[in-house]
Structure formats: structure tokens, C-alpha cells
Amino acid sequence: MAVAVTMDLPIDAPLPLDPELGATTTAPTALAPQSVGRPNAKYSRIVPIAVVTISAFFFLLPLLTLARHSLQNVPAFLLGKDTILKKWSLEPLWRAFDDPDFMPALKLSLTLAVGTVFLTLALLVPTAVWTHLRLPKMRTFIEFITVLPYMIPAIALVAGIVIVKPHARWFLNSNFALIPFYVVLALPFTYRSIDAGLRAIDLRTLVDASRSLGAGWGTTLRKVLIPNLRTSIISASFLTAAVVIGEYTIASTLLKRTLPQFQREYTQREPQAGYALNLLALLVTTLLFVLLSVLTKKRDQSRKPYVPPADTTPHTSTGTPT
């Protein structure tokens, strides 16, 4: 038989108050901060709209001017309300595409972009993983090394290539000789993208769990880490491709007929068609970054955090027998 437990209290001691029975609690209660009111919706939207509008004019007006110059066959002094929409044509672009040197240059640039992406990922992903796991104190030094190509102008790298070129013609004569230089130029962007992806996951737990299940380092990297770094790898790949497609200085020094080299030579021969091709290259690069944001956004939205189910089991309290 359960016996209720009683406590011996002094006669003049106050009885304990039970909040559930409507009594006032004796514990101190934090005061809620005073409301400062909602921000004025009218003025809170002015600044973002103004920033977006100014940025749009800053980027779009030069593109519109370039498009008018390359795709409209109307002299600038004859432009007016009646002629602003007349004589627009894509014929300059077709002329550029029909040039016999266009497709080889485009093919070479795309080949170099693919090769640079694979070499960059093959070097940086294992290096970044090993640094995070084994050499965390070296991350600052490695970040400083990777930012040097951004601080040092490309012309300095070209000066070094000119000095080495007579002694390494067996390598520099190949079209694929541009790939190592493009890997160096892309380091400031690609390494930070991969490093940010590694910081966003529990790297040590994933590696320890994979290794404890018997997986080797190759399997861990291929089946565990790379799927979790998919967004970072996509970002690094697009940034590397953008760097390769737009690079001109090193390709010109090594006499490689890449797409930027063809654009420069073709613009000298056919200015209008050349500027139209330059406009298309800018638009394609912009679309690459838009596609990058769309792919990474979909990937981030598909990751839903795990929320444990709420415990709905009723809790009952029982007396303690004496």
C-alpha cells in the first residue's frame, strides 16, 4: 500500500505555492523587451530597389550599347525614335561562326576547360580534405598560397614562362601545356569553394564512420565525401571554366589558338562581327553563373535538416513509498 510522503515544516513557514493551481510563482520572471515597432515598409524597400536599379544600369547599359553596335546596321548619328528598333540582325554572328578558324579555337578552349577542371579537382579535393583532417594549423598558410595568383598579375607569370620557354619546348609546344597554368590562375576561386564545402559538413565524423566500416581512403573520398561536396565541386568547376574560356595573356604568349586569341584576331578583321562574338561570350559566361546559382540552390533546398519526432507519450508521476 502506497503511503503519501509528508514533510515536517515549521509552524510559521509559508506553504509552497503551486503554479499549476493558479498561485503566483515566487521565482523571478524575466521582463520582455519593449517593442520598438515595425520598420516603415515604404522606406525599407527604397534602398534595396535603388541598389538593384543602379547595378542593373551599370551592367546592362554597356551590354546594350555593345549589342546595338554589333547587331544593328544603323549609324549612331541616325539613331532616333524611328530607327531604334530597325535593322537588327544576327547576320554578324553567323559570319563569325562560318569562319574556318572558329570551331578549332572553340574546341581547344572547351578541351582546356575540361582538362583544367579535372586536374584542379584531382589536386585540390584530396589536399583540402587532408589539410582539414591532419594539418588544421596549415590552413591559413595554404589559403595564403592559393590567393597569390590573384595578388600577382598574370603578366608576371607570363614573364616567367618566357624565361623557361627555351628550355621546355618539348612541353610548351603542346596545347595541353596551358592546363597547369590555368590551374594556378583558378586557385583563388576553386580552393575557397572546396574549403567552404568542407567547413559545412562534419568531415571527421564522416571519415571515421566510413573507415570504421572498412572503406579505404579512395572509397571514402568517392562515395562519402564527394556526394557531400557536390555543391562546392559544381561551383569550383564553373569558376574554373569561366577562367579558362576568358584567359588571353598566357595563350597569346605560348601562341595557342584559343577562343580569346581568335576573338582578338577576328575583331581586327571584322569589327562588327567580332564585337557580336564578344557579346555572345559575355552572355554565355553570365548564363553559366546563373546556371550555377540555380543548381546550387536546388541542391541546398533538397537538404532538409533532420528533426526528431516529438515524444507524445504521457508522463505520469507516482508517489514514492516510504
C-alpha atoms as a PDB file:
ATOM      1  CA  MET A   1       0.000   0.000   0.000  1.00  0.00           C
ATOM      2  CA  ALA A   2       1.458   3.347  -1.037  1.00  0.00           C
ATOM      3  CA  VAL A   3       1.741   5.896   1.711  1.00  0.00           C
ATOM      4  CA  ALA A   4       1.837   9.613   0.931  1.00  0.00           C
ATOM      5  CA  VAL A   5       5.064  11.332   1.886  1.00  0.00           C
ATOM      6  CA  THR A   6       4.790  14.313   4.211  1.00  0.00           C
ATOM      7  CA  MET A   7       7.444  16.823   5.213  1.00  0.00           C
ATOM      8  CA  ASP A   8       7.770  18.383   8.636  1.00  0.00           C
ATOM      9  CA  LEU A   9       7.687  22.163   8.169  1.00  0.00           C
ATOM     10  CA  PRO A  10       7.979  24.885  10.811  1.00  0.00           C
ATOM     11  CA  ILE A  11       4.672  26.251  12.008  1.00  0.00           C
ATOM     12  CA  ASP A  12       5.442  29.784  10.819  1.00  0.00           C
ATOM     13  CA  ALA A  13       6.908  28.675   7.440  1.00  0.00           C
ATOM     14  CA  PRO A  14       4.879  29.647   4.339  1.00  0.00           C
ATOM     15  CA  LEU A  15       3.389  26.839   2.364  1.00  0.00           C
ATOM     16  CA  PRO A  16       4.921  26.197  -1.109  1.00  0.00           C
ATOM     17  CA  LEU A  17       2.888  27.664  -3.914  1.00  0.00           C
ATOM     18  CA  ASP A  18       1.900  25.534  -6.902  1.00  0.00           C
ATOM     19  CA  PRO A  19       1.784  27.444 -10.207  1.00  0.00           C
ATOM     20  CA  GLU A  20      -0.494  24.813 -11.767  1.00  0.00           C
ATOM     21  CA  LEU A  21      -3.195  25.572  -9.205  1.00  0.00           C
ATOM     22  CA  GLY A  22      -3.283  29.245 -10.080  1.00  0.00           C
ATOM     23  CA  ALA A  23      -0.915  30.551  -7.418  1.00  0.00           C
ATOM     24  CA  THR A  24       1.658  33.219  -8.150  1.00  0.00           C
ATOM     25  CA  THR A  25       5.201  31.920  -8.659  1.00  0.00           C
ATOM     26  CA  THR A  26       7.884  33.174  -6.358  1.00  0.00           C
ATOM     27  CA  ALA A  27      10.731  32.755  -8.904  1.00  0.00           C
ATOM     28  CA  PRO A  28      11.930  35.919 -10.670  1.00  0.00           C
ATOM     29  CA  THR A  29      10.435  36.424 -14.107  1.00  0.00           C
ATOM     30  CA  ALA A  30      12.383  37.995 -16.999  1.00  0.00           C
ATOM     31  CA  LEU A  31      10.838  41.116 -18.448  1.00  0.00           C
ATOM     32  CA  ALA A  32      10.046  41.072 -22.168  1.00  0.00           C
ATOM     33  CA  PRO A  33      11.834  43.772 -24.189  1.00  0.00           C
ATOM     34  CA  GLN A  34       9.722  46.683 -25.198  1.00  0.00           C
ATOM     35  CA  SER A  35       8.556  46.699 -28.783  1.00  0.00           C
ATOM     36  CA  VAL A  36      10.206  49.299 -30.956  1.00  0.00           C
ATOM     37  CA  GLY A  37       7.603  48.968 -33.664  1.00  0.00           C
ATOM     38  CA  ARG A  38       7.771  47.627 -37.189  1.00  0.00           C
ATOM     39  CA  PRO A  39      10.062  49.330 -39.703  1.00  0.00           C
ATOM     40  CA  ASN A  40       8.436  51.551 -42.233  1.00  0.00           C
ATOM     41  CA  ALA A  41       7.742  49.281 -45.218  1.00  0.00           C
ATOM     42  CA  LYS A  42       7.874  52.225 -47.608  1.00  0.00           C
ATOM     43  CA  TYR A  43      11.418  53.295 -46.724  1.00  0.00           C
ATOM     44  CA  SER A  44      12.748  49.779 -46.055  1.00  0.00           C
ATOM     45  CA  ARG A  45      12.255  48.875 -49.723  1.00  0.00           C
ATOM     46  CA  ILE A  46      13.722  52.035 -51.235  1.00  0.00           C
ATOM     47  CA  VAL A  47      17.374  51.193 -50.581  1.00  0.00           C
ATOM     48  CA  PRO A  48      17.300  47.605 -51.998  1.00  0.00           C
ATOM     49  CA  ILE A  49      15.349  48.740 -55.060  1.00  0.00           C
ATOM     50  CA  ALA A  50      17.772  51.626 -55.620  1.00  0.00           C
ATOM     51  CA  VAL A  51      20.815  49.340 -55.325  1.00  0.00           C
ATOM     52  CA  VAL A  52      19.359  46.797 -57.749  1.00  0.00           C
ATOM     53  CA  THR A  53      18.355  49.513 -60.227  1.00  0.00           C
ATOM     54  CA  ILE A  54      21.780  51.181 -60.194  1.00  0.00           C
ATOM     55  CA  SER A  55      23.534  47.816 -60.548  1.00  0.00           C
ATOM     56  CA  ALA A  56      21.272  46.853 -63.452  1.00  0.00           C
ATOM     57  CA  PHE A  57      22.044  50.103 -65.286  1.00  0.00           C
ATOM     58  CA  PHE A  58      25.760  49.717 -64.561  1.00  0.00           C
ATOM     59  CA  PHE A  59      25.907  46.236 -66.114  1.00  0.00           C
ATOM     60  CA  LEU A  60      23.181  46.366 -68.732  1.00  0.00           C
ATOM     61  CA  LEU A  61      23.855  49.708 -70.416  1.00  0.00           C
ATOM     62  CA  PRO A  62      27.323  48.714 -71.727  1.00  0.00           C
ATOM     63  CA  LEU A  63      25.891  45.410 -72.958  1.00  0.00           C
ATOM     64  CA  LEU A  64      23.023  47.172 -74.713  1.00  0.00           C
ATOM     65  CA  THR A  65      25.468  49.585 -76.318  1.00  0.00           C
ATOM     66  CA  LEU A  66      27.646  46.701 -77.483  1.00  0.00           C
ATOM     67  CA  ALA A  67      24.586  44.865 -78.825  1.00  0.00           C
ATOM     68  CA  ARG A  68      23.450  47.941 -80.770  1.00  0.00           C
ATOM     69  CA  HIS A  69      26.908  48.453 -82.245  1.00  0.00           C
ATOM     70  CA  SER A  70      27.334  44.820 -83.318  1.00  0.00           C
ATOM     71  CA  LEU A  71      23.817  43.716 -84.260  1.00  0.00           C
ATOM     72  CA  GLN A  72      22.186  46.874 -85.665  1.00  0.00           C
ATOM     73  CA  ASN A  73      23.110  48.227 -89.071  1.00  0.00           C
ATOM     74  CA  VAL A  74      22.230  51.856 -88.331  1.00  0.00           C
ATOM     75  CA  PRO A  75      24.902  54.564 -87.844  1.00  0.00           C
ATOM     76  CA  ALA A  76      24.946  56.193 -84.432  1.00  0.00           C
ATOM     77  CA  PHE A  77      24.160  59.696 -85.785  1.00  0.00           C
ATOM     78  CA  LEU A  78      20.967  58.358 -87.429  1.00  0.00           C
ATOM     79  CA  LEU A  79      19.569  56.800 -84.253  1.00  0.00           C
ATOM     80  CA  GLY A  80      16.196  58.115 -83.155  1.00  0.00           C
ATOM     81  CA  LYS A  81      12.716  57.081 -82.172  1.00  0.00           C
ATOM     82  CA  ASP A  82      12.003  55.854 -85.691  1.00  0.00           C
ATOM     83  CA  THR A  83      15.202  53.846 -86.184  1.00  0.00           C
ATOM     84  CA  ILE A  84      15.949  52.456 -82.717  1.00  0.00           C
ATOM     85  CA  LEU A  85      14.200  49.148 -83.491  1.00  0.00           C
ATOM     86  CA  LYS A  86      15.109  48.844 -87.173  1.00  0.00           C
ATOM     87  CA  LYS A  87      17.757  46.770 -88.973  1.00  0.00           C
ATOM     88  CA  TRP A  88      18.607  44.416 -86.114  1.00  0.00           C
ATOM     89  CA  SER A  89      20.144  41.192 -87.400  1.00  0.00           C
ATOM     90  CA  LEU A  90      22.136  38.158 -86.204  1.00  0.00           C
ATOM     91  CA  GLU A  91      23.994  38.024 -89.516  1.00  0.00           C
ATOM     92  CA  PRO A  92      27.324  39.178 -87.936  1.00  0.00           C
ATOM     93  CA  LEU A  93      27.213  36.190 -85.593  1.00  0.00           C
ATOM     94  CA  TRP A  94      26.610  33.784 -88.478  1.00  0.00           C
ATOM     95  CA  ARG A  95      29.619  35.278 -90.247  1.00  0.00           C
ATOM     96  CA  ALA A  96      31.766  34.647 -87.188  1.00  0.00           C
ATOM     97  CA  PHE A  97      30.511  31.071 -86.901  1.00  0.00           C
ATOM     98  CA  ASP A  98      31.279  30.421 -90.563  1.00  0.00           C
ATOM     99  CA  ASP A  99      34.903  31.424 -90.161  1.00  0.00           C
ATOM    100  CA  PRO A 100      37.106  28.311 -90.614  1.00  0.00           C
ATOM    101  CA  ASP A 101      39.194  29.154 -87.515  1.00  0.00           C
ATOM    102  CA  PHE A 102      36.231  29.496 -85.134  1.00  0.00           C
ATOM    103  CA  MET A 103      35.419  25.835 -84.447  1.00  0.00           C
ATOM    104  CA  PRO A 104      39.067  24.741 -83.830  1.00  0.00           C
ATOM    105  CA  ALA A 105      39.523  27.634 -81.383  1.00  0.00           C
ATOM    106  CA  LEU A 106      36.265  26.856 -79.574  1.00  0.00           C
ATOM    107  CA  LYS A 107      37.107  23.153 -79.408  1.00  0.00           C
ATOM    108  CA  LEU A 108      40.546  23.880 -77.954  1.00  0.00           C
ATOM    109  CA  SER A 109      39.140  26.208 -75.293  1.00  0.00           C
ATOM    110  CA  LEU A 110      36.499  23.683 -74.244  1.00  0.00           C
ATOM    111  CA  THR A 111      39.092  20.888 -74.134  1.00  0.00           C
ATOM    112  CA  LEU A 112      41.370  23.007 -71.959  1.00  0.00           C
ATOM    113  CA  ALA A 113      38.443  23.887 -69.689  1.00  0.00           C
ATOM    114  CA  VAL A 114      37.544  20.221 -69.144  1.00  0.00           C
ATOM    115  CA  GLY A 115      41.163  19.234 -68.548  1.00  0.00           C
ATOM    116  CA  THR A 116      41.699  22.118 -66.125  1.00  0.00           C
ATOM    117  CA  VAL A 117      38.561  21.231 -64.164  1.00  0.00           C
ATOM    118  CA  PHE A 118      39.601  17.583 -63.744  1.00  0.00           C
ATOM    119  CA  LEU A 119      43.182  18.426 -62.772  1.00  0.00           C
ATOM    120  CA  THR A 120      42.025  21.113 -60.330  1.00  0.00           C
ATOM    121  CA  LEU A 121      39.587  18.799 -58.571  1.00  0.00           C
ATOM    122  CA  ALA A 122      42.077  15.916 -58.526  1.00  0.00           C
ATOM    123  CA  LEU A 123      44.636  18.129 -56.793  1.00  0.00           C
ATOM    124  CA  LEU A 124      42.545  20.289 -54.509  1.00  0.00           C
ATOM    125  CA  VAL A 125      39.897  17.934 -53.107  1.00  0.00           C
ATOM    126  CA  PRO A 126      42.366  15.420 -51.538  1.00  0.00           C
ATOM    127  CA  THR A 127      44.639  18.269 -50.443  1.00  0.00           C
ATOM    128  CA  ALA A 128      41.825  20.165 -48.747  1.00  0.00           C
ATOM    129  CA  VAL A 129      40.496  17.010 -47.060  1.00  0.00           C
ATOM    130  CA  TRP A 130      43.950  16.039 -45.775  1.00  0.00           C
ATOM    131  CA  THR A 131      44.567  19.575 -44.529  1.00  0.00           C
ATOM    132  CA  HIS A 132      41.297  19.673 -42.604  1.00  0.00           C
ATOM    133  CA  LEU A 133      41.922  16.253 -41.041  1.00  0.00           C
ATOM    134  CA  ARG A 134      45.651  16.120 -40.394  1.00  0.00           C
ATOM    135  CA  LEU A 135      47.056  19.646 -40.727  1.00  0.00           C
ATOM    136  CA  PRO A 136      44.428  22.100 -39.477  1.00  0.00           C
ATOM    137  CA  LYS A 137      47.124  24.586 -38.437  1.00  0.00           C
ATOM    138  CA  MET A 138      48.330  24.793 -42.053  1.00  0.00           C
ATOM    139  CA  ARG A 139      45.026  26.015 -43.445  1.00  0.00           C
ATOM    140  CA  THR A 140      45.965  29.671 -43.050  1.00  0.00           C
ATOM    141  CA  PHE A 141      49.256  29.145 -44.873  1.00  0.00           C
ATOM    142  CA  ILE A 142      47.594  27.195 -47.703  1.00  0.00           C
ATOM    143  CA  GLU A 143      44.914  29.873 -48.079  1.00  0.00           C
ATOM    144  CA  PHE A 144      47.674  32.475 -48.387  1.00  0.00           C
ATOM    145  CA  ILE A 145      49.451  30.392 -51.057  1.00  0.00           C
ATOM    146  CA  THR A 146      46.254  29.937 -53.063  1.00  0.00           C
ATOM    147  CA  VAL A 147      45.500  33.660 -53.074  1.00  0.00           C
ATOM    148  CA  LEU A 148      48.889  34.597 -54.549  1.00  0.00           C
ATOM    149  CA  PRO A 149      47.767  34.132 -58.212  1.00  0.00           C
ATOM    150  CA  TYR A 150      45.066  36.711 -57.518  1.00  0.00           C
ATOM    151  CA  MET A 151      47.549  39.161 -55.990  1.00  0.00           C
ATOM    152  CA  ILE A 152      50.310  38.679 -58.591  1.00  0.00           C
ATOM    153  CA  PRO A 153      49.281  39.848 -62.087  1.00  0.00           C
ATOM    154  CA  ALA A 154      49.221  37.339 -64.895  1.00  0.00           C
ATOM    155  CA  ILE A 155      51.899  39.279 -66.768  1.00  0.00           C
ATOM    156  CA  ALA A 156      54.415  38.256 -64.070  1.00  0.00           C
ATOM    157  CA  LEU A 157      53.583  34.606 -64.724  1.00  0.00           C
ATOM    158  CA  VAL A 158      53.973  35.254 -68.432  1.00  0.00           C
ATOM    159  CA  ALA A 159      57.448  36.742 -67.829  1.00  0.00           C
ATOM    160  CA  GLY A 160      58.461  33.533 -66.080  1.00  0.00           C
ATOM    161  CA  ILE A 161      57.096  31.453 -68.950  1.00  0.00           C
ATOM    162  CA  VAL A 162      59.158  33.472 -71.445  1.00  0.00           C
ATOM    163  CA  ILE A 163      62.321  32.718 -69.460  1.00  0.00           C
ATOM    164  CA  VAL A 164      61.580  28.990 -69.162  1.00  0.00           C
ATOM    165  CA  LYS A 165      60.223  28.553 -72.693  1.00  0.00           C
ATOM    166  CA  PRO A 166      63.597  27.946 -74.482  1.00  0.00           C
ATOM    167  CA  HIS A 167      64.402  25.131 -72.025  1.00  0.00           C
ATOM    168  CA  ALA A 168      60.997  23.387 -72.048  1.00  0.00           C
ATOM    169  CA  ARG A 169      59.806  23.489 -75.638  1.00  0.00           C
ATOM    170  CA  TRP A 170      59.082  19.756 -75.518  1.00  0.00           C
ATOM    171  CA  PHE A 171      56.265  20.560 -73.074  1.00  0.00           C
ATOM    172  CA  LEU A 172      55.198  24.067 -74.021  1.00  0.00           C
ATOM    173  CA  ASN A 173      54.699  23.148 -77.685  1.00  0.00           C
ATOM    174  CA  SER A 174      51.708  21.016 -76.715  1.00  0.00           C
ATOM    175  CA  ASN A 175      48.260  22.611 -76.469  1.00  0.00           C
ATOM    176  CA  PHE A 176      47.766  20.909 -73.115  1.00  0.00           C
ATOM    177  CA  ALA A 177      50.697  22.883 -71.674  1.00  0.00           C
ATOM    178  CA  LEU A 178      48.184  25.615 -70.804  1.00  0.00           C
ATOM    179  CA  ILE A 179      46.349  23.408 -68.296  1.00  0.00           C
ATOM    180  CA  PRO A 180      48.852  23.699 -65.380  1.00  0.00           C
ATOM    181  CA  PHE A 181      48.948  27.488 -65.761  1.00  0.00           C
ATOM    182  CA  TYR A 182      45.158  27.680 -65.796  1.00  0.00           C
ATOM    183  CA  VAL A 183      45.027  25.551 -62.625  1.00  0.00           C
ATOM    184  CA  VAL A 184      47.244  28.121 -60.916  1.00  0.00           C
ATOM    185  CA  LEU A 185      45.134  31.046 -62.146  1.00  0.00           C
ATOM    186  CA  ALA A 186      41.931  29.420 -60.845  1.00  0.00           C
ATOM    187  CA  LEU A 187      43.309  28.559 -57.385  1.00  0.00           C
ATOM    188  CA  PRO A 188      41.953  31.662 -55.561  1.00  0.00           C
ATOM    189  CA  PHE A 189      38.398  30.701 -56.546  1.00  0.00           C
ATOM    190  CA  THR A 190      38.407  26.916 -56.573  1.00  0.00           C
ATOM    191  CA  TYR A 191      40.187  26.275 -53.281  1.00  0.00           C
ATOM    192  CA  ARG A 192      37.879  28.566 -51.339  1.00  0.00           C
ATOM    193  CA  SER A 193      34.825  26.927 -52.813  1.00  0.00           C
ATOM    194  CA  ILE A 194      36.007  23.459 -51.778  1.00  0.00           C
ATOM    195  CA  ASP A 195      37.196  24.716 -48.378  1.00  0.00           C
ATOM    196  CA  ALA A 196      33.786  26.264 -47.693  1.00  0.00           C
ATOM    197  CA  GLY A 197      32.115  22.951 -48.556  1.00  0.00           C
ATOM    198  CA  LEU A 198      34.373  21.058 -46.150  1.00  0.00           C
ATOM    199  CA  ARG A 199      33.652  23.525 -43.362  1.00  0.00           C
ATOM    200  CA  ALA A 200      29.906  22.997 -43.871  1.00  0.00           C
ATOM    201  CA  ILE A 201      29.997  19.233 -43.186  1.00  0.00           C
ATOM    202  CA  ASP A 202      31.122  17.137 -40.230  1.00  0.00           C
ATOM    203  CA  LEU A 203      34.193  15.885 -42.045  1.00  0.00           C
ATOM    204  CA  ARG A 204      35.848  13.953 -39.216  1.00  0.00           C
ATOM    205  CA  THR A 205      32.680  12.070 -38.304  1.00  0.00           C
ATOM    206  CA  LEU A 206      32.033  11.070 -41.920  1.00  0.00           C
ATOM    207  CA  VAL A 207      35.600   9.866 -42.429  1.00  0.00           C
ATOM    208  CA  ASP A 208      35.717   7.961 -39.123  1.00  0.00           C
ATOM    209  CA  ALA A 209      32.380   6.283 -39.837  1.00  0.00           C
ATOM    210  CA  SER A 210      33.466   5.248 -43.331  1.00  0.00           C
ATOM    211  CA  ARG A 211      36.842   3.979 -42.167  1.00  0.00           C
ATOM    212  CA  SER A 212      35.305   2.036 -39.286  1.00  0.00           C
ATOM    213  CA  LEU A 213      33.057   0.216 -41.769  1.00  0.00           C
ATOM    214  CA  GLY A 214      36.115  -0.996 -43.681  1.00  0.00           C
ATOM    215  CA  ALA A 215      36.225   1.513 -46.543  1.00  0.00           C
ATOM    216  CA  GLY A 216      39.589   2.671 -47.850  1.00  0.00           C
ATOM    217  CA  TRP A 217      40.570   6.251 -48.497  1.00  0.00           C
ATOM    218  CA  GLY A 218      39.618   6.043 -52.165  1.00  0.00           C
ATOM    219  CA  THR A 219      36.175   4.646 -51.396  1.00  0.00           C
ATOM    220  CA  THR A 220      35.652   7.201 -48.632  1.00  0.00           C
ATOM    221  CA  LEU A 221      36.546  10.044 -50.951  1.00  0.00           C
ATOM    222  CA  ARG A 222      34.474   8.737 -53.871  1.00  0.00           C
ATOM    223  CA  LYS A 223      31.322   7.513 -52.110  1.00  0.00           C
ATOM    224  CA  VAL A 224      31.144   9.603 -48.936  1.00  0.00           C
ATOM    225  CA  LEU A 225      32.896  12.956 -49.329  1.00  0.00           C
ATOM    226  CA  ILE A 226      32.329  13.824 -52.985  1.00  0.00           C
ATOM    227  CA  PRO A 227      28.495  13.429 -52.746  1.00  0.00           C
ATOM    228  CA  ASN A 228      28.504  15.760 -49.742  1.00  0.00           C
ATOM    229  CA  LEU A 229      30.725  18.242 -51.602  1.00  0.00           C
ATOM    230  CA  ARG A 230      28.640  18.253 -54.779  1.00  0.00           C
ATOM    231  CA  THR A 231      27.648  21.915 -54.500  1.00  0.00           C
ATOM    232  CA  SER A 232      31.231  23.028 -53.872  1.00  0.00           C
ATOM    233  CA  ILE A 233      32.546  20.903 -56.729  1.00  0.00           C
ATOM    234  CA  ILE A 234      29.963  22.354 -59.130  1.00  0.00           C
ATOM    235  CA  SER A 235      30.910  25.885 -58.058  1.00  0.00           C
ATOM    236  CA  ALA A 236      34.633  25.196 -58.472  1.00  0.00           C
ATOM    237  CA  SER A 237      34.059  23.639 -61.902  1.00  0.00           C
ATOM    238  CA  PHE A 238      32.053  26.582 -63.239  1.00  0.00           C
ATOM    239  CA  LEU A 239      34.533  29.126 -61.883  1.00  0.00           C
ATOM    240  CA  THR A 240      37.445  27.234 -63.430  1.00  0.00           C
ATOM    241  CA  ALA A 241      35.693  27.002 -66.796  1.00  0.00           C
ATOM    242  CA  ALA A 242      34.980  30.748 -66.739  1.00  0.00           C
ATOM    243  CA  VAL A 243      38.657  31.494 -66.059  1.00  0.00           C
ATOM    244  CA  VAL A 244      39.839  29.218 -68.880  1.00  0.00           C
ATOM    245  CA  ILE A 245      37.391  30.467 -71.501  1.00  0.00           C
ATOM    246  CA  GLY A 246      38.291  34.117 -70.863  1.00  0.00           C
ATOM    247  CA  GLU A 247      42.097  33.843 -70.476  1.00  0.00           C
ATOM    248  CA  TYR A 248      44.141  35.522 -73.196  1.00  0.00           C
ATOM    249  CA  THR A 249      47.609  36.543 -71.957  1.00  0.00           C
ATOM    250  CA  ILE A 250      49.207  33.131 -71.420  1.00  0.00           C
ATOM    251  CA  ALA A 251      47.621  31.652 -74.550  1.00  0.00           C
ATOM    252  CA  SER A 252      48.978  34.548 -76.615  1.00  0.00           C
ATOM    253  CA  THR A 253      52.463  34.111 -75.127  1.00  0.00           C
ATOM    254  CA  LEU A 254      52.529  30.395 -75.959  1.00  0.00           C
ATOM    255  CA  LEU A 255      50.965  31.049 -79.401  1.00  0.00           C
ATOM    256  CA  LYS A 256      47.886  28.887 -78.784  1.00  0.00           C
ATOM    257  CA  ARG A 257      44.801  29.453 -80.910  1.00  0.00           C
ATOM    258  CA  THR A 258      42.239  29.557 -78.127  1.00  0.00           C
ATOM    259  CA  LEU A 259      38.884  31.298 -78.353  1.00  0.00           C
ATOM    260  CA  PRO A 260      40.083  34.645 -76.862  1.00  0.00           C
ATOM    261  CA  GLN A 261      43.014  34.636 -79.281  1.00  0.00           C
ATOM    262  CA  PHE A 262      40.628  34.045 -82.191  1.00  0.00           C
ATOM    263  CA  GLN A 263      38.317  36.803 -80.936  1.00  0.00           C
ATOM    264  CA  ARG A 264      41.125  39.341 -80.915  1.00  0.00           C
ATOM    265  CA  GLU A 265      42.323  38.467 -84.409  1.00  0.00           C
ATOM    266  CA  TYR A 266      38.825  38.229 -85.849  1.00  0.00           C
ATOM    267  CA  THR A 267      37.784  41.586 -84.339  1.00  0.00           C
ATOM    268  CA  GLN A 268      40.661  43.243 -86.167  1.00  0.00           C
ATOM    269  CA  ARG A 269      39.424  41.800 -89.480  1.00  0.00           C
ATOM    270  CA  GLU A 270      35.653  42.073 -88.935  1.00  0.00           C
ATOM    271  CA  PRO A 271      34.932  44.606 -86.166  1.00  0.00           C
ATOM    272  CA  GLN A 272      31.155  44.305 -86.141  1.00  0.00           C
ATOM    273  CA  ALA A 273      31.100  40.504 -86.221  1.00  0.00           C
ATOM    274  CA  GLY A 274      33.953  40.358 -83.716  1.00  0.00           C
ATOM    275  CA  TYR A 275      32.086  42.525 -81.219  1.00  0.00           C
ATOM    276  CA  ALA A 276      28.991  40.380 -81.712  1.00  0.00           C
ATOM    277  CA  LEU A 277      31.062  37.312 -80.846  1.00  0.00           C
ATOM    278  CA  ASN A 278      32.424  39.075 -77.754  1.00  0.00           C
ATOM    279  CA  LEU A 279      28.882  39.913 -76.690  1.00  0.00           C
ATOM    280  CA  LEU A 280      27.872  36.277 -77.073  1.00  0.00           C
ATOM    281  CA  ALA A 281      30.839  35.178 -74.957  1.00  0.00           C
ATOM    282  CA  LEU A 282      29.796  37.580 -72.189  1.00  0.00           C
ATOM    283  CA  LEU A 283      26.221  36.341 -72.275  1.00  0.00           C
ATOM    284  CA  VAL A 284      27.309  32.694 -72.180  1.00  0.00           C
ATOM    285  CA  THR A 285      29.544  33.377 -69.168  1.00  0.00           C
ATOM    286  CA  THR A 286      26.666  35.124 -67.405  1.00  0.00           C
ATOM    287  CA  LEU A 287      24.371  32.184 -68.141  1.00  0.00           C
ATOM    288  CA  LEU A 288      26.972  29.852 -66.659  1.00  0.00           C
ATOM    289  CA  PHE A 289      26.861  31.730 -63.366  1.00  0.00           C
ATOM    290  CA  VAL A 290      23.055  31.837 -63.422  1.00  0.00           C
ATOM    291  CA  LEU A 291      23.004  28.079 -64.000  1.00  0.00           C
ATOM    292  CA  LEU A 292      25.491  27.689 -61.158  1.00  0.00           C
ATOM    293  CA  SER A 293      23.229  29.566 -58.743  1.00  0.00           C
ATOM    294  CA  VAL A 294      20.195  27.536 -59.850  1.00  0.00           C
ATOM    295  CA  LEU A 295      21.955  24.189 -59.425  1.00  0.00           C
ATOM    296  CA  THR A 296      23.401  25.045 -56.028  1.00  0.00           C
ATOM    297  CA  LYS A 297      20.087  26.476 -54.825  1.00  0.00           C
ATOM    298  CA  LYS A 298      18.204  23.308 -55.766  1.00  0.00           C
ATOM    299  CA  ARG A 299      20.851  21.222 -54.048  1.00  0.00           C
ATOM    300  CA  ASP A 300      20.623  23.288 -50.850  1.00  0.00           C
ATOM    301  CA  GLN A 301      16.836  23.161 -50.791  1.00  0.00           C
ATOM    302  CA  SER A 302      16.862  19.372 -51.156  1.00  0.00           C
ATOM    303  CA  ARG A 303      18.814  19.065 -47.926  1.00  0.00           C
ATOM    304  CA  LYS A 304      16.261  19.124 -45.151  1.00  0.00           C
ATOM    305  CA  PRO A 305      17.582  19.034 -41.599  1.00  0.00           C
ATOM    306  CA  TYR A 306      16.648  16.017 -39.534  1.00  0.00           C
ATOM    307  CA  VAL A 307      14.118  16.835 -36.833  1.00  0.00           C
ATOM    308  CA  PRO A 308      13.482  14.056 -34.316  1.00  0.00           C
ATOM    309  CA  PRO A 309       9.794  13.243 -33.725  1.00  0.00           C
ATOM    310  CA  ALA A 310       8.230  14.776 -30.674  1.00  0.00           C
ATOM    311  CA  ASP A 311       7.670  12.484 -27.710  1.00  0.00           C
ATOM    312  CA  THR A 312       3.893  12.260 -27.269  1.00  0.00           C
ATOM    313  CA  THR A 313       3.957   9.602 -24.541  1.00  0.00           C
ATOM    314  CA  PRO A 314       2.076  10.927 -21.463  1.00  0.00           C
ATOM    315  CA  HIS A 315       4.260  11.205 -18.382  1.00  0.00           C
ATOM    316  CA  THR A 316       2.715  10.120 -15.060  1.00  0.00           C
ATOM    317  CA  SER A 317       4.135  10.800 -11.643  1.00  0.00           C
ATOM    318  CA  THR A 318       3.806   8.272  -8.856  1.00  0.00           C
ATOM    319  CA  GLY A 319       4.312   8.697  -5.188  1.00  0.00           C
ATOM    320  CA  THR A 320       7.382   7.231  -3.502  1.00  0.00           C
ATOM    321  CA  PRO A 321       6.520   4.677  -0.857  1.00  0.00           C
ATOM    322  CA  THR A 322       8.153   5.044   2.482  1.00  0.00           C
END
